[in-house]
Amino acid sequence: MSWAALALVGAAAVVAARWYASRVDELGRRRDFPLVSVVLLAVLAAGAATPGVLRARQERRLAGVASALAGRPVAVRCQALGGAFVDAGPELGYVLYWRTVYPARPDGYRSSSCRPGGAMDEHLPDAPWAPAGA
């Protein structure tokens, strides 16, 4: 919806610019500012921007709570409806974390017991670090 809000703001700017370029008609009469058109486009733009603004506010609030729980800064991205249609699933995030992020963490963060077959391994059938089909 943010692209629609930007398009509506752009349309309002175009209407205002067209009026500015021709404030006086061919006979020398002053033309009134297209107030109704510009206000209507601005109201529609505000309505189209509202979901994006609310989602951004919710992401900030959730990030604050998640950061307090995790003890470090956390970024939260809420998925929009359009993103839900092309989502490949949450498992990709686990693969990214366990295969690239976790091994690169410092020694104080990692534990030698936390590995496949280690003391902290819960032997889950769908462990995110396990190779596919294992």
Foldseek 3Di string as FASTA:
>chain_A
DLVLLVVLLVVLVVLQVVCVVPQADPVGHGDDRPVVSNVVSNVVSCVVCVVVVVQVVVQVVVQVVVCVVVVHGDGDHDDDPVNVVVDPDDLVVLLCCLVPVVVPDDPVVDDPQPDVVRPPDPPDPPRSNDPPPD
